[in-house]
Protein backbone atom coordinates (compact mmCIF):
# COMPACT_ATOMS: atom_id res chain seq x y z
CA MET A 1 186.31 30.58 140.82
CA ILE A 2 182.68 29.42 140.42
CA TYR A 3 182.74 27.38 143.62
CA GLY A 4 184.42 30.19 145.58
CA LEU A 5 181.78 32.69 144.49
CA TYR A 6 178.96 30.25 145.28
CA THR A 7 180.41 29.51 148.74
CA ALA A 8 180.80 33.23 149.52
CA VAL A 9 177.20 34.00 148.53
CA LEU A 10 175.87 31.01 150.48
CA THR A 11 177.85 32.02 153.57
CA VAL A 12 176.29 35.49 153.47
CA LEU A 13 172.82 34.01 153.05
CA VAL A 14 173.35 31.65 155.99
CA LEU A 15 174.50 34.53 158.19
CA LEU A 16 171.47 36.59 157.19
CA TYR A 17 169.17 33.65 157.94
CA ILE A 18 170.49 33.06 161.46
CA PRO A 19 168.17 35.66 163.12
CA VAL A 20 165.20 34.16 161.25
CA ALA A 21 166.11 30.64 162.38
CA LEU A 22 166.50 31.80 165.98
CA ALA A 23 163.14 33.57 165.87
CA ARG A 24 161.45 30.44 164.52
CA ARG A 25 163.10 28.43 167.29
CA VAL A 26 161.92 30.78 170.03
CA LEU A 27 158.46 31.67 168.72
CA ARG A 28 157.41 28.41 167.06
CA GLY A 29 159.72 25.80 168.53
CA VAL A 30 161.23 24.89 165.15
CA PRO A 31 164.44 22.91 165.86
CA LEU A 32 167.71 24.31 164.53
CA ASN A 33 169.39 20.89 164.14
CA LEU A 34 172.60 22.89 164.14
CA ARG A 35 175.05 20.08 164.85
CA GLY A 36 173.64 17.97 162.07
CA ARG A 37 173.60 20.82 159.57
CA LEU A 38 177.27 21.55 160.40
CA GLY A 39 178.20 17.93 159.71
CA LEU A 40 178.75 17.17 163.40
CA GLY A 41 177.35 14.53 165.68
CA GLY A 42 177.86 11.42 163.57
CA GLN A 43 180.34 8.80 164.62
CA LYS A 44 182.78 7.46 162.06
CA ARG A 45 181.28 4.20 160.80
CA GLY A 46 183.19 0.97 160.78
CA GLY A 47 182.83 0.77 157.02
CA PRO A 48 181.30 2.46 153.98
CA SER A 49 177.61 3.20 153.57
CA GLY A 50 175.07 3.94 150.87
CA TRP A 51 173.59 7.44 150.99
CA VAL A 52 170.01 8.34 149.99
CA HIS A 53 168.89 11.97 150.16
CA ALA A 54 165.21 12.94 150.37
CA VAL A 55 164.70 16.63 151.07
CA SER A 56 161.31 16.39 152.82
CA VAL A 57 158.18 14.32 153.39
CA GLY A 58 157.12 13.66 149.79
CA GLU A 59 160.56 12.56 148.67
CA ALA A 60 161.02 10.37 151.74
CA ILE A 61 157.72 8.57 151.11
CA ALA A 62 158.51 8.17 147.41
CA ALA A 63 161.89 6.69 148.31
CA ALA A 64 160.35 3.82 150.31
CA PRO A 65 160.30 1.21 147.51
CA LEU A 66 163.77 2.31 146.42
CA VAL A 67 165.16 1.84 149.94
CA GLU A 68 163.56 -1.61 150.14
CA GLY A 69 165.15 -2.47 146.79
CA LEU A 70 168.59 -1.26 147.92
CA ARG A 71 168.34 -3.44 151.02
CA ARG A 72 167.64 -6.48 148.87
CA MET A 73 170.44 -5.66 146.44
CA PHE A 74 173.08 -4.76 149.03
CA PRO A 75 172.09 -6.48 152.30
CA GLU A 76 175.50 -5.92 153.91
CA LEU A 77 175.68 -2.20 153.07
CA PRO A 78 174.42 0.19 155.81
CA LEU A 79 172.14 2.93 154.47
CA VAL A 80 172.17 6.57 155.59
CA MET A 81 169.17 8.71 154.68
CA THR A 82 169.31 12.50 154.88
CA THR A 83 166.58 15.12 154.92
CA VAL A 84 166.56 18.91 155.11
CA THR A 85 163.28 19.36 156.98
CA GLU A 86 162.28 18.22 160.46
CA THR A 87 159.03 16.80 159.09
CA GLY A 88 160.98 14.74 156.59
CA ALA A 89 163.21 13.52 159.42
CA ARG A 90 160.17 12.34 161.37
CA VAL A 91 158.91 10.33 158.40
CA VAL A 92 162.32 8.68 157.94
CA ARG A 93 162.66 7.82 161.63
CA GLU A 94 159.18 6.33 161.79
CA ARG A 95 158.97 4.55 158.44
CA PHE A 96 162.56 3.39 158.15
CA ARG A 97 163.33 2.55 161.77
CA GLY A 98 165.94 -0.20 161.86
CA ILE A 99 166.48 0.08 158.11
CA VAL A 100 168.40 3.34 157.67
CA THR A 101 170.29 5.79 159.86
CA HIS A 102 168.88 9.29 159.64
CA ARG A 103 171.10 12.37 159.40
CA PHE A 104 170.33 15.95 158.48
CA PHE A 105 171.76 17.07 155.17
CA PRO A 106 174.76 19.34 155.84
CA LEU A 107 174.89 22.99 154.91
CA ASP A 108 176.56 23.15 151.52
CA LEU A 109 179.68 24.80 152.93
CA PRO A 110 183.04 23.01 152.50
CA PRO A 111 183.86 22.40 156.21
CA ALA A 112 180.39 21.00 156.97
CA VAL A 113 180.39 18.90 153.81
CA ARG A 114 183.86 17.45 154.55
CA ARG A 115 182.88 16.51 158.10
CA PHE A 116 179.65 14.91 157.00
CA VAL A 117 181.07 12.94 154.09
CA GLY A 118 184.03 11.84 156.16
CA GLY A 119 181.67 10.59 158.84
CA ILE A 120 179.42 8.42 156.65
CA ASP A 121 182.04 7.39 154.03
CA PRO A 122 179.52 6.95 151.19
CA VAL A 123 180.10 4.58 148.29
CA PHE A 124 177.31 6.29 146.34
CA LEU A 125 174.66 8.99 146.67
CA VAL A 126 171.13 8.59 145.34
CA CYS A 127 169.45 12.00 145.46
CA MET A 128 165.67 12.04 145.13
CA GLU A 129 164.25 14.47 142.58
CA THR A 130 166.57 17.31 141.48
CA GLU A 131 168.67 18.55 144.38
CA LEU A 132 171.85 20.23 143.14
CA TRP A 133 174.33 21.15 145.89
CA PRO A 134 177.59 22.25 144.24
CA ASN A 135 180.00 21.72 147.15
CA VAL A 136 178.57 18.31 148.02
CA LEU A 137 178.76 17.19 144.41
CA ARG A 138 182.24 18.61 143.99
CA LEU A 139 183.63 16.78 147.02
CA LEU A 140 181.99 13.52 145.99
CA GLY A 141 183.50 13.97 142.54
CA VAL A 142 186.98 14.45 144.03
CA ARG A 143 186.48 11.31 146.13
CA ARG A 144 185.18 9.44 143.04
CA VAL A 145 181.85 8.72 144.73
CA PRO A 146 179.22 8.22 142.01
CA VAL A 147 176.02 10.27 142.27
CA MET A 148 172.59 9.62 140.81
CA ILE A 149 169.56 11.88 140.55
CA ALA A 150 166.56 9.56 140.98
CA ASN A 151 162.96 10.42 140.07
CA GLY A 152 164.30 13.71 138.76
CA ARG A 153 161.97 16.47 137.70
CA LEU A 154 162.23 20.15 136.87
CA SER A 155 159.10 22.21 137.44
CA ASP A 156 158.43 25.26 135.33
CA ARG A 157 159.61 27.51 138.15
CA SER A 158 162.77 25.50 138.88
CA PHE A 159 163.68 25.39 135.21
CA ARG A 160 163.31 29.16 134.88
CA ARG A 161 165.50 29.74 137.92
CA TYR A 162 168.20 27.28 136.88
CA ARG A 163 168.35 28.81 133.40
CA LEU A 164 169.47 32.09 134.98
CA VAL A 165 172.67 30.39 136.16
CA ARG A 166 173.05 27.88 133.33
CA PRO A 167 176.75 28.69 132.68
CA LEU A 168 177.50 27.81 136.30
CA LEU A 169 175.56 24.55 136.24
CA LYS A 170 177.55 22.58 133.67
CA PRO A 171 180.51 21.76 135.99
CA VAL A 172 178.05 20.91 138.76
CA LEU A 173 176.07 18.53 136.54
CA ALA A 174 179.34 16.97 135.34
CA ASN A 175 179.74 15.48 138.83
CA ILE A 176 176.55 13.43 138.45
CA ARG A 177 177.02 9.96 136.98
CA VAL A 178 173.42 9.41 135.87
CA LEU A 179 170.23 11.50 135.89
CA ALA A 180 167.08 9.36 136.00
CA MET A 181 164.28 11.73 135.06
CA GLN A 182 160.53 11.27 135.37
CA SER A 183 159.52 12.32 131.85
CA ASP A 184 160.81 13.22 128.42
CA GLU A 185 160.20 16.89 129.22
CA ASP A 186 162.25 16.66 132.42
CA ALA A 187 165.05 15.01 130.44
CA ARG A 188 164.93 17.72 127.79
CA ARG A 189 165.13 20.41 130.41
CA VAL A 190 168.09 18.98 132.31
CA ILE A 191 169.99 18.52 129.05
CA ALA A 192 169.20 22.15 128.16
CA LEU A 193 170.79 23.13 131.49
CA GLY A 194 174.05 21.42 130.56
CA ALA A 195 173.76 17.72 131.44
CA SER A 196 175.44 15.33 129.01
CA PRO A 197 172.68 13.55 127.04
CA GLU A 198 174.41 10.16 127.42
CA ARG A 199 173.99 10.46 131.21
CA VAL A 200 170.26 11.21 131.11
CA VAL A 201 167.68 8.39 131.27
CA VAL A 202 163.88 8.56 131.45
CA THR A 203 162.60 6.09 134.05
CA GLY A 204 159.10 7.33 134.89
CA ASN A 205 157.70 8.45 138.23
CA MET A 206 158.49 6.36 141.30
CA LYS A 207 155.54 7.94 143.12
CA ALA A 208 153.35 5.67 141.00
CA GLU A 209 154.80 2.71 142.89
CA ALA A 210 154.32 3.55 146.55
CA LEU A 211 154.44 0.54 148.87
CA PRO A 212 150.92 -0.86 149.36
CA ASP A 213 148.96 -0.23 152.54
CA SER A 214 148.83 -3.08 155.02
CA PRO A 215 145.69 -5.29 154.94
CA GLY A 216 142.86 -3.77 156.93
CA ALA A 217 144.33 -0.25 156.73
CA ALA A 218 140.94 1.33 156.05
CA ASP A 219 139.32 -0.39 159.05
CA LEU A 220 142.23 0.67 161.24
CA TRP A 221 141.91 4.31 160.17
CA HIS A 222 138.19 4.28 160.84
CA ARG A 223 138.95 3.19 164.40
CA LEU A 224 141.80 5.68 164.83
CA LEU A 225 139.57 8.55 163.77
CA GLY A 226 136.53 7.29 165.63
CA LEU A 227 134.41 7.13 162.48
CA ASP A 228 131.08 5.31 162.40
CA PRO A 229 130.29 2.92 159.51
CA GLU A 230 127.52 5.16 158.14
CA GLU A 231 129.72 8.27 157.95
CA ARG A 232 130.89 9.45 154.52
CA VAL A 233 134.34 11.00 154.20
CA TRP A 234 135.84 13.43 151.76
CA ILE A 235 139.43 14.60 152.10
CA ALA A 236 141.03 17.86 151.02
CA GLY A 237 144.72 16.93 150.94
CA SER A 238 147.81 19.15 150.80
CA THR A 239 145.83 22.39 150.91
CA HIS A 240 147.37 25.86 150.74
CA ARG A 241 146.28 29.23 152.08
CA GLY A 242 143.31 30.37 150.01
CA GLU A 243 142.04 26.84 149.34
CA GLU A 244 140.56 26.00 152.73
CA GLU A 245 137.99 28.78 152.24
CA ALA A 246 136.77 27.15 149.01
CA VAL A 247 136.75 23.71 150.64
CA LEU A 248 134.67 24.97 153.58
CA GLU A 249 132.23 26.75 151.27
CA ALA A 250 131.81 23.50 149.34
CA HIS A 251 131.39 21.56 152.58
CA ARG A 252 128.72 24.01 153.78
CA VAL A 253 126.68 23.19 150.67
CA LEU A 254 127.36 19.46 150.86
CA ALA A 255 126.52 19.13 154.56
CA ARG A 256 122.93 20.21 153.78
CA GLU A 257 122.60 17.52 151.11
CA VAL A 258 124.59 14.54 152.44
CA ARG A 259 123.87 13.02 155.83
CA HIS A 260 126.73 11.96 158.11
CA LEU A 261 129.35 13.73 156.00
CA VAL A 262 132.85 14.17 157.44
CA LEU A 263 135.50 16.51 156.03
CA VAL A 264 139.21 15.95 156.63
CA ILE A 265 141.52 18.86 155.82
CA ALA A 266 145.26 18.19 155.55
CA PRO A 267 147.25 21.43 155.23
CA ARG A 268 150.32 21.00 153.05
CA HIS A 269 152.50 22.64 155.70
CA PRO A 270 151.92 21.37 159.26
CA GLU A 271 152.83 24.74 160.75
CA ARG A 272 149.60 26.10 159.20
CA VAL A 273 147.39 23.87 161.36
CA PRO A 274 146.66 26.65 163.93
CA GLU A 275 145.77 28.99 161.07
CA VAL A 276 143.32 26.45 159.65
CA LEU A 277 141.79 25.83 163.08
CA ASP A 278 141.30 29.59 163.48
CA LEU A 279 139.64 29.76 160.07
CA LEU A 280 137.25 26.96 161.06
CA ALA A 281 136.38 28.72 164.31
CA THR A 282 135.77 31.98 162.46
CA ARG A 283 133.45 30.22 160.02
CA GLY A 284 131.58 28.54 162.90
CA TRP A 285 132.74 24.99 162.21
CA PRO A 286 133.62 22.72 165.15
CA SER A 287 136.98 21.03 164.62
CA VAL A 288 139.29 18.42 166.07
CA ARG A 289 142.95 17.67 165.49
CA ARG A 290 143.79 14.21 164.19
CA SER A 291 146.23 13.82 167.13
CA GLU A 292 143.30 14.23 169.56
CA LEU A 293 141.37 11.31 168.10
CA PRO A 294 139.78 8.81 168.55
CA GLN A 295 138.09 10.79 171.31
CA ARG A 296 134.42 11.43 170.67
CA ARG A 297 133.95 14.13 168.05
CA ARG A 298 131.26 16.75 168.10
CA ASP A 299 128.68 16.29 165.36
CA GLY A 300 129.86 17.98 162.19
CA ALA A 301 133.42 18.50 163.45
CA VAL A 302 136.02 18.92 160.70
CA ILE A 303 139.12 16.77 161.24
CA VAL A 304 142.39 18.66 160.71
CA LEU A 305 145.39 16.46 160.01
CA ASP A 306 148.16 17.74 162.27
CA THR A 307 150.47 14.72 161.94
CA VAL A 308 153.17 14.01 159.35
CA GLY A 309 153.40 11.14 156.89
CA GLU A 310 149.83 9.85 157.32
CA LEU A 311 147.95 11.52 154.48
CA ALA A 312 148.63 8.88 151.81
CA GLN A 313 147.35 6.08 154.06
CA LEU A 314 144.43 8.20 155.20
CA TYR A 315 143.21 8.34 151.60
CA SER A 316 142.14 4.70 152.06
CA ILE A 317 139.01 5.83 153.99
CA ALA A 318 137.97 8.58 151.58
CA ASP A 319 134.94 8.43 149.32
CA VAL A 320 136.26 11.42 147.34
CA VAL A 321 139.63 13.21 147.38
CA PHE A 322 140.45 16.77 146.42
CA VAL A 323 144.20 17.32 145.97
CA GLY A 324 145.24 20.83 146.92
CA GLY A 325 147.87 23.22 145.68
CA SER A 326 145.76 23.31 142.53
CA LEU A 327 142.98 25.84 143.15
CA VAL A 328 145.70 28.39 143.91
CA ALA A 329 148.82 28.79 141.79
CA ALA A 330 151.02 26.40 143.79
CA GLY A 331 151.55 23.86 141.01
CA GLY A 332 149.61 20.98 142.54
CA HIS A 333 150.67 17.98 144.62
CA ASN A 334 150.84 14.20 144.41
CA MET A 335 147.54 12.97 143.00
CA LEU A 336 148.85 9.45 142.34
CA GLU A 337 148.51 8.47 146.01
CA PRO A 338 144.68 8.57 146.05
CA ALA A 339 144.52 7.10 142.56
CA LEU A 340 146.57 4.09 143.69
CA ARG A 341 143.94 3.56 146.38
CA ARG A 342 141.15 3.57 143.77
CA LYS A 343 139.73 6.92 144.87
CA PRO A 344 138.10 9.44 142.50
CA VAL A 345 140.30 12.54 142.33
CA LEU A 346 139.37 16.21 142.00
CA LEU A 347 141.95 18.81 140.98
CA GLY A 348 142.08 22.53 140.49
CA PRO A 349 143.47 23.98 137.23
CA HIS A 350 146.99 24.66 138.59
CA THR A 351 148.89 21.36 138.27
CA GLU A 352 152.03 22.55 136.49
CA ASN A 353 154.39 20.70 138.86
CA PHE A 354 152.53 17.43 138.21
CA ARG A 355 151.56 18.05 134.61
CA GLU A 356 152.15 14.48 133.41
CA SER A 357 150.33 12.86 136.36
CA ALA A 358 147.36 15.20 136.03
CA ALA A 359 147.13 14.60 132.29
CA LEU A 360 147.26 10.83 132.84
CA LEU A 361 144.41 10.85 135.36
CA VAL A 362 142.22 13.32 133.46
CA ALA A 363 142.71 11.47 130.16
CA SER A 364 141.82 8.14 131.76
CA GLY A 365 138.64 9.61 133.24
CA ALA A 366 139.90 9.14 136.80
CA ALA A 367 140.16 12.83 137.72
CA ARG A 368 138.02 15.89 137.18
CA VAL A 369 139.07 19.52 137.20
CA VAL A 370 137.19 22.06 139.34
CA ARG A 371 137.78 25.80 139.30
CA ASP A 372 136.00 27.13 142.38
CA ALA A 373 133.95 26.24 145.45
CA ALA A 374 130.73 25.81 143.48
CA GLU A 375 132.28 23.33 141.03
CA LEU A 376 134.02 21.52 143.90
CA ALA A 377 130.73 21.11 145.76
CA GLY A 378 128.99 19.95 142.59
CA GLU A 379 131.54 17.26 141.76
CA VAL A 380 131.87 15.99 145.33
CA GLY A 381 128.10 15.82 145.65
CA ARG A 382 127.73 14.00 142.33
CA LEU A 383 130.34 11.41 143.31
CA LEU A 384 128.95 10.89 146.82
CA SER A 385 125.50 10.19 145.37
CA ASP A 386 126.71 7.64 142.81
CA GLY A 387 128.69 4.66 144.09
CA ASP A 388 129.06 3.17 140.61
CA LEU A 389 130.57 6.42 139.31
CA ARG A 390 133.01 6.54 142.24
CA ALA A 391 134.10 2.97 141.54
CA LYS A 392 134.45 3.69 137.82
CA LEU A 393 136.73 6.68 138.39
CA GLY A 394 138.68 4.92 141.13
CA ASN A 395 139.34 1.83 139.03
CA ALA A 396 140.29 3.94 136.01
CA GLY A 397 142.84 5.83 138.11
CA TYR A 398 144.36 2.69 139.54
CA GLU A 399 144.69 1.06 136.11
CA ALA A 400 146.19 4.22 134.59
CA VAL A 401 148.82 4.54 137.33
CA ALA A 402 149.58 0.81 137.40
CA SER A 403 150.26 0.92 133.65
CA ARG A 404 153.19 3.24 134.37
CA HIS A 405 154.93 0.96 136.87
CA GLY A 406 158.59 0.11 136.33
CA ALA A 407 160.38 3.26 137.49
CA VAL A 408 161.65 1.73 140.73
CA GLN A 409 163.13 -1.34 139.09
CA GLU A 410 164.69 0.74 136.32
CA THR A 411 166.24 3.01 138.95
CA LEU A 412 167.61 0.02 140.88
CA ASN A 413 169.06 -1.35 137.65
CA LEU A 414 170.85 1.97 137.10
CA VAL A 415 172.23 1.85 140.66
CA GLY A 416 173.61 -1.64 140.04
CA ARG A 417 175.05 -0.60 136.70
CA PHE A 418 176.54 2.82 137.42
CA LEU A 419 176.82 3.31 141.17
CA TYR A 420 177.73 0.01 142.80
CA PRO A 421 178.37 -2.55 140.04
CA GLY A 422 179.06 -6.16 140.86
CA ARG A 423 177.92 -5.88 144.48
CA SER A 424 174.26 -6.89 144.32
CA ARG A 425 172.93 -10.35 145.12
């Protein structure tokens, strides 16, 4: 009854979305990936595979140490990694080339799910963060394929939405063997939604354990961007509409005070790059896309990151980092990536989706909260003028994040215990 109602509603929503998808394809060139989403296009493998699902870019990057661990544990087991977004797919294809096979996650409709699952023949599914797809989970339950939620979290908004359908969630959650949650609060919330407490484990945040940059990464990025040694760099990462204006106002003030200052803006959503370029032109700032470098830049040109999966590594060249999604009410974004690279971090007040990470960095003295363009300019300027202060904040952030390591190994232990016991080397 529950699954039939869910499938009927989803079918209607998919049909209503078709004109939107076609318009995005025609007007913006967004791929439909229709065969993949219908569970088609994958050849039947010669044997079973392990399945890792990472919905988009952030989850795919966070999954990197987990994928490396799974390869070590199960060297003979092929790995399939699914994403929902095209940008996530690009990250998987580039970062995991030769390690995993990429497929698009199927629409959660029974025919598509059956075709997809039949094609990859999974022995387990590790789903990054908290993706709950009832028909996928139901079929895997029927096939006795164990499922794990890894690095699970429930934001304030997600928790409110899930509570509206709590009576429908209990049978869905029953198909998950183990839920490895980031924090005690995440664990409390998923139990409140109907998960059995004995299946819920707190492992910490795997994003605190991203794979290290290769030696010389900072020098390489300086060359790729055509930066001179004397240039100072501050990065506004994962920005949303309404934040670039504040960043540019702060940069206008800073450019008068700091010589050879370069701003890099990385919009959270790549499709907003033209919008950001238009904003820069309107404000009178010269600009250059990251994909056009290392051609010679005009003096004072703002670099706009128009590529996918490079932001975390790009933090290695920053003197100061502002993490977006926090000056506007978007809940914040991953501030552990710059902290792991020993960079001082600035945040807006809206970090609800990363509450624990923000609290950790602020409490350790590694991050400072700014509320508007004036405060942003003041803090960036203060940090740029004081190398010792930058180093103090950067080291404090690294030590704070490093103290929370262990989530990846704990997650791998749970995989070996509950998902694929007796198979690891």
